Amino acid sequence: MAEQVVADARSTLLFLLNSAGRKSRTAPIRTSFVGIPVMPEGGRGARTRPGPMAALVKRHDATALDLYLLLMALASAEPYDVTRDARFFARALDLKDGRGRFNTGAISKAWARLERQNLITRARKGRVASITPRLESGEGSEADKYTPPSGANGDYYLRVPFDYWLTGDPTLHERLTLPEKAMLLISLARLKNEFRLTAANAARWYGVSQETAQRGLQGLVEKKVLGRRRERRAAPEAPEGFTIDTYYSLTGAFRLPKRVATDQAAR
């Protein structure tokens, strides 16, 4: 019997991403997916509360997270719907069932979980599901139509480069654990090429556990997605008279262009 030849995950991802026609080769996602800004009365002391990503991490839902990131890469033109046979997504994410077949059921269930979080709407076009993003914060009504982020007037967004899907063997999205993926998105949402972030602040602002933050940051450093440096500074309030600050920096394709880092700097 002749061997059956089927496109693999990488070639499927390349086909899908190329079909989006994004010249930037990045997927824009509002930072509210990661952390939602809160402005107290009086307009001073702005803070961040967890966005929808935290729920995906808490339920260990790497499939829905990657599916959502892929959707946001593909939803590139009005009306921003993505209409594809579920087999494309199952093959792109290399999801197989116990019999070795591409698991379209897992894709359907992941879409349903994202829909319950108000991150997408689903419709049918013939026999194929049509998926449209909603506001990345998971807030608002179905009447609030999705539009791409502008970066102006507080409409901040992070960029997930296509390298996440296509670079390396295995590719980065295959190599990163869920804590590492969460901390990569949080790092990108900082909108700075170098930033200071503690596990305690990651838990407070973004809703991941301190353990998840620590494991994620350490893993990103070990896999050279983030750089890390430590700096000693005087601290009169500390018994030793000093403290050590840890700074992380985005590397390679994840670094922000200087213009973007300046124009969108939220903190």
Protein backbone atom coordinates (compact mmCIF):
# COMPACT_ATOMS: atom_id res chain seq x y z
CA MET A 1 0.00 0.00 0.00
CA ALA A 2 1.42 3.41 -0.98
CA GLU A 3 2.40 5.71 1.88
CA GLN A 4 -0.16 8.45 2.50
CA VAL A 5 1.38 11.91 2.16
CA VAL A 6 -0.20 14.67 4.26
CA ALA A 7 0.93 18.26 4.84
CA ASP A 8 2.61 18.69 8.22
CA ALA A 9 1.96 21.31 10.90
CA ARG A 10 4.72 23.69 9.79
CA SER A 11 3.66 23.80 6.13
CA THR A 12 0.03 24.22 7.17
CA LEU A 13 0.93 27.11 9.46
CA LEU A 14 2.99 28.72 6.70
CA PHE A 15 0.05 28.42 4.30
CA LEU A 16 -2.41 29.88 6.80
CA LEU A 17 -0.16 32.75 7.89
CA ASN A 18 0.75 33.66 4.32
CA SER A 19 -2.95 33.73 3.46
CA ALA A 20 -3.46 36.47 6.08
CA GLY A 21 -1.38 38.87 3.97
CA ARG A 22 0.13 40.68 6.94
CA LYS A 23 3.14 42.66 5.73
CA SER A 24 4.38 43.07 9.33
CA ARG A 25 4.44 39.28 9.82
CA THR A 26 2.99 39.88 13.28
CA ALA A 27 -0.40 39.41 14.95
CA PRO A 28 -1.67 42.52 16.79
CA ILE A 29 -3.48 41.77 20.04
CA ARG A 30 -4.68 44.40 22.50
CA THR A 31 -2.83 44.25 25.79
CA SER A 32 -6.23 43.96 27.54
CA PHE A 33 -6.12 40.25 26.68
CA VAL A 34 -3.28 40.02 29.20
CA GLY A 35 -4.06 42.85 31.61
CA ILE A 36 -6.94 45.34 31.69
CA PRO A 37 -6.06 48.89 32.79
CA VAL A 38 -8.15 50.29 35.63
CA MET A 39 -8.32 54.03 36.27
CA PRO A 40 -9.48 54.86 39.81
CA GLU A 41 -11.74 57.82 40.52
CA GLY A 42 -9.72 60.99 40.35
CA GLY A 43 -7.64 59.66 37.47
CA ARG A 44 -4.51 58.91 39.50
CA GLY A 45 -2.81 55.66 40.43
CA ALA A 46 -3.79 53.59 37.39
CA ARG A 47 -3.38 49.84 37.87
CA THR A 48 -3.86 46.64 35.92
CA ARG A 49 -6.22 43.75 36.58
CA PRO A 50 -6.06 40.30 34.94
CA GLY A 51 -7.36 39.89 31.40
CA PRO A 52 -8.90 36.74 29.88
CA MET A 53 -5.52 35.05 29.43
CA ALA A 54 -5.39 34.33 33.16
CA ALA A 55 -8.40 32.00 32.94
CA LEU A 56 -6.79 30.04 30.08
CA VAL A 57 -3.64 29.57 32.14
CA LYS A 58 -5.52 28.57 35.29
CA ARG A 59 -7.36 25.80 33.46
CA HIS A 60 -4.15 24.71 31.67
CA ASP A 61 -5.74 25.40 28.29
CA ALA A 62 -2.74 25.63 25.97
CA THR A 63 -4.85 24.50 23.00
CA ALA A 64 -7.33 27.37 23.32
CA LEU A 65 -4.51 29.86 23.88
CA ASP A 66 -2.63 28.84 20.74
CA LEU A 67 -5.86 28.67 18.75
CA TYR A 68 -6.71 32.20 19.84
CA LEU A 69 -3.26 33.52 18.93
CA LEU A 70 -3.54 31.88 15.53
CA LEU A 71 -7.01 33.37 14.99
CA MET A 72 -5.69 36.86 15.74
CA ALA A 73 -2.95 36.35 13.17
CA LEU A 74 -5.46 35.30 10.52
CA ALA A 75 -8.24 37.85 11.16
CA SER A 76 -6.56 40.50 9.03
CA ALA A 77 -9.29 42.07 6.88
CA GLU A 78 -12.90 43.14 7.28
CA PRO A 79 -15.17 41.67 8.48
CA TYR A 80 -12.31 39.98 10.40
CA ASP A 81 -13.85 36.51 10.28
CA VAL A 82 -11.85 33.35 9.68
CA THR A 83 -13.69 30.62 7.85
CA ARG A 84 -11.70 27.41 7.62
CA ASP A 85 -12.39 23.72 7.91
CA ALA A 86 -11.44 22.57 11.43
CA ARG A 87 -8.94 20.17 9.91
CA PHE A 88 -6.69 23.09 8.99
CA PHE A 89 -6.46 24.13 12.64
CA ALA A 90 -6.06 20.58 13.95
CA ARG A 91 -3.23 20.00 11.49
CA ALA A 92 -1.61 23.38 12.20
CA LEU A 93 -1.55 22.64 15.94
CA ASP A 94 -0.74 18.96 15.34
CA LEU A 95 -3.69 17.81 17.44
CA LYS A 96 -4.43 14.12 17.03
CA ASP A 97 -6.85 11.76 18.68
CA GLY A 98 -6.10 8.33 20.10
CA ARG A 99 -6.25 6.78 16.62
CA GLY A 100 -3.75 9.21 15.14
CA ARG A 101 -6.33 11.25 13.22
CA PHE A 102 -6.40 15.04 13.31
CA ASN A 103 -8.68 15.94 16.20
CA THR A 104 -11.29 18.35 14.87
CA GLY A 105 -13.39 17.73 17.98
CA ALA A 106 -10.67 19.29 20.13
CA ILE A 107 -10.75 22.36 17.89
CA SER A 108 -14.53 22.69 18.19
CA LYS A 109 -14.37 22.37 21.97
CA ALA A 110 -11.59 24.96 22.20
CA TRP A 111 -13.64 27.41 20.12
CA ALA A 112 -16.56 26.81 22.50
CA ARG A 113 -14.39 27.62 25.53
CA LEU A 114 -13.17 30.84 23.89
CA GLU A 115 -16.77 31.74 23.04
CA ARG A 116 -17.80 31.29 26.68
CA GLN A 117 -15.10 33.81 27.58
CA ASN A 118 -16.64 36.30 25.10
CA LEU A 119 -13.42 36.29 23.07
CA ILE A 120 -15.02 35.10 19.82
CA THR A 121 -18.34 34.59 18.08
CA ARG A 122 -19.12 31.51 16.00
CA ALA A 123 -21.36 31.18 12.97
CA ARG A 124 -21.79 28.67 10.17
CA LYS A 125 -21.01 29.26 6.53
CA GLY A 126 -22.27 26.14 4.88
CA ARG A 127 -20.69 23.22 6.73
CA VAL A 128 -17.72 25.24 8.00
CA ALA A 129 -17.43 27.29 11.20
CA SER A 130 -16.75 30.99 10.77
CA ILE A 131 -14.92 32.55 13.73
CA THR A 132 -14.80 36.29 14.46
CA PRO A 133 -12.82 37.87 17.30
CA ARG A 134 -14.50 40.04 19.89
CA LEU A 135 -12.84 42.63 22.10
CA GLU A 136 -9.66 41.16 23.59
CA SER A 137 -10.75 42.11 27.11
CA GLY A 138 -13.69 39.69 26.86
CA GLU A 139 -15.93 42.61 27.79
CA GLY A 140 -18.64 44.41 25.86
CA SER A 141 -21.63 43.07 23.98
CA GLU A 142 -21.91 41.26 20.65
CA ALA A 143 -22.86 44.62 19.18
CA ASP A 144 -19.29 45.82 19.85
CA LYS A 145 -17.72 44.78 16.57
CA TYR A 146 -14.05 43.86 16.51
CA THR A 147 -11.67 46.29 14.87
CA PRO A 148 -7.86 46.04 14.89
CA PRO A 149 -6.04 48.04 17.57
CA SER A 150 -4.64 51.41 16.55
CA GLY A 151 -2.03 52.06 19.24
CA ALA A 152 -3.46 55.57 19.72
CA ASN A 153 -5.34 57.06 22.69
CA GLY A 154 -4.61 54.17 25.00
CA ASP A 155 -5.54 51.47 22.48
CA TYR A 156 -2.33 49.58 23.22
CA TYR A 157 -1.45 46.29 21.65
CA LEU A 158 1.26 43.68 21.68
CA ARG A 159 2.62 41.93 18.59
CA VAL A 160 3.13 38.19 18.28
CA PRO A 161 5.61 37.64 15.44
CA PHE A 162 5.04 34.82 12.99
CA ASP A 163 8.40 33.47 14.19
CA TYR A 164 6.45 32.13 17.18
CA TRP A 165 4.83 29.65 14.79
CA LEU A 166 7.52 29.08 12.21
CA THR A 167 11.02 29.40 13.73
CA GLY A 168 13.01 26.49 15.09
CA ASP A 169 12.75 22.73 14.91
CA PRO A 170 10.60 22.07 16.83
CA THR A 171 9.02 25.50 16.45
CA LEU A 172 8.81 27.90 19.36
CA HIS A 173 5.10 27.37 19.96
CA GLU A 174 5.83 23.64 20.25
CA ARG A 175 8.80 24.09 22.60
CA LEU A 176 7.33 26.60 25.03
CA THR A 177 5.34 25.39 28.02
CA LEU A 178 2.08 27.09 28.98
CA PRO A 179 3.76 29.15 31.78
CA GLU A 180 6.40 30.24 29.26
CA LYS A 181 3.76 31.23 26.70
CA ALA A 182 1.87 33.22 29.34
CA MET A 183 4.99 35.05 30.46
CA LEU A 184 6.00 35.73 26.86
CA LEU A 185 2.65 37.45 26.26
CA ILE A 186 3.02 39.38 29.51
CA SER A 187 6.53 40.39 28.47
CA LEU A 188 5.27 41.58 25.09
CA ALA A 189 2.46 43.48 26.83
CA ARG A 190 5.03 45.49 28.79
CA LEU A 191 5.65 47.34 25.50
CA LYS A 192 9.31 47.86 26.34
CA ASN A 193 12.35 45.99 25.12
CA GLU A 194 13.69 45.91 28.66
CA PHE A 195 11.49 45.85 31.72
CA ARG A 196 11.49 44.97 35.39
CA LEU A 197 8.93 42.42 36.56
CA THR A 198 8.67 40.38 39.74
CA ALA A 199 6.66 37.20 40.14
CA ALA A 200 4.58 38.94 42.81
CA ASN A 201 3.65 41.77 40.44
CA ALA A 202 2.90 39.32 37.63
CA ALA A 203 0.45 37.56 39.96
CA ARG A 204 -1.13 40.84 41.10
CA TRP A 205 -1.46 42.45 37.67
CA TYR A 206 -1.99 39.52 35.33
CA GLY A 207 -3.62 36.81 37.45
CA VAL A 208 -1.02 34.06 37.04
CA SER A 209 0.40 32.38 40.12
CA GLN A 210 3.84 33.41 41.37
CA GLU A 211 5.05 29.88 40.65
CA THR A 212 3.79 30.11 37.06
CA ALA A 213 5.51 33.48 36.65
CA GLN A 214 8.80 32.20 38.06
CA ARG A 215 8.81 29.03 35.96
CA GLY A 216 7.75 30.92 32.85
CA LEU A 217 10.40 33.62 33.13
CA GLN A 218 13.14 31.13 33.94
CA GLY A 219 12.16 28.95 30.98
CA LEU A 220 12.14 31.91 28.59
CA VAL A 221 15.63 32.88 29.74
CA GLU A 222 16.91 29.31 29.32
CA LYS A 223 15.40 29.13 25.82
CA LYS A 224 16.91 32.54 24.99
CA VAL A 225 13.59 34.21 24.29
CA LEU A 226 14.33 36.65 27.11
CA GLY A 227 17.61 38.09 28.28
CA ARG A 228 18.16 38.78 31.99
CA ARG A 229 20.43 41.05 33.98
CA ARG A 230 20.57 41.93 37.67
CA GLU A 231 21.41 45.33 39.10
CA ARG A 232 22.27 46.22 42.67
CA ARG A 233 20.92 49.48 44.07
CA ALA A 234 20.95 51.20 47.43
CA ALA A 235 17.87 50.55 49.54
CA PRO A 236 17.81 52.28 52.94
CA GLU A 237 14.71 50.29 53.90
CA ALA A 238 16.48 46.93 53.44
CA PRO A 239 18.43 45.36 56.37
CA GLU A 240 21.45 44.90 54.10
CA GLY A 241 21.17 48.45 52.76
CA PHE A 242 20.74 47.28 49.18
CA THR A 243 18.46 45.26 46.93
CA ILE A 244 18.85 43.41 43.64
CA ASP A 245 16.59 44.36 40.76
CA THR A 246 16.07 41.89 37.90
CA TYR A 247 15.57 43.21 34.38
CA TYR A 248 14.35 41.15 31.43
CA SER A 249 14.78 42.00 27.77
CA LEU A 250 13.04 40.74 24.65
CA THR A 251 15.31 39.11 22.09
CA GLY A 252 15.34 38.49 18.35
CA ALA A 253 12.03 38.78 16.51
CA PHE A 254 10.24 39.66 19.76
CA ARG A 255 12.05 42.98 20.17
CA LEU A 256 9.89 45.99 19.46
CA PRO A 257 10.83 48.41 16.69
CA LYS A 258 12.07 51.61 18.37
CA ARG A 259 9.10 53.63 17.08
CA VAL A 260 6.57 51.15 18.48
CA ALA A 261 8.33 50.88 21.83
CA THR A 262 8.30 54.68 22.14
CA ASP A 263 4.79 55.41 20.85
CA GLN A 264 3.07 52.61 22.79
CA ALA A 265 5.04 52.68 26.04
CA ALA A 266 2.27 52.22 28.61
CA ARG A 267 4.45 52.21 31.71
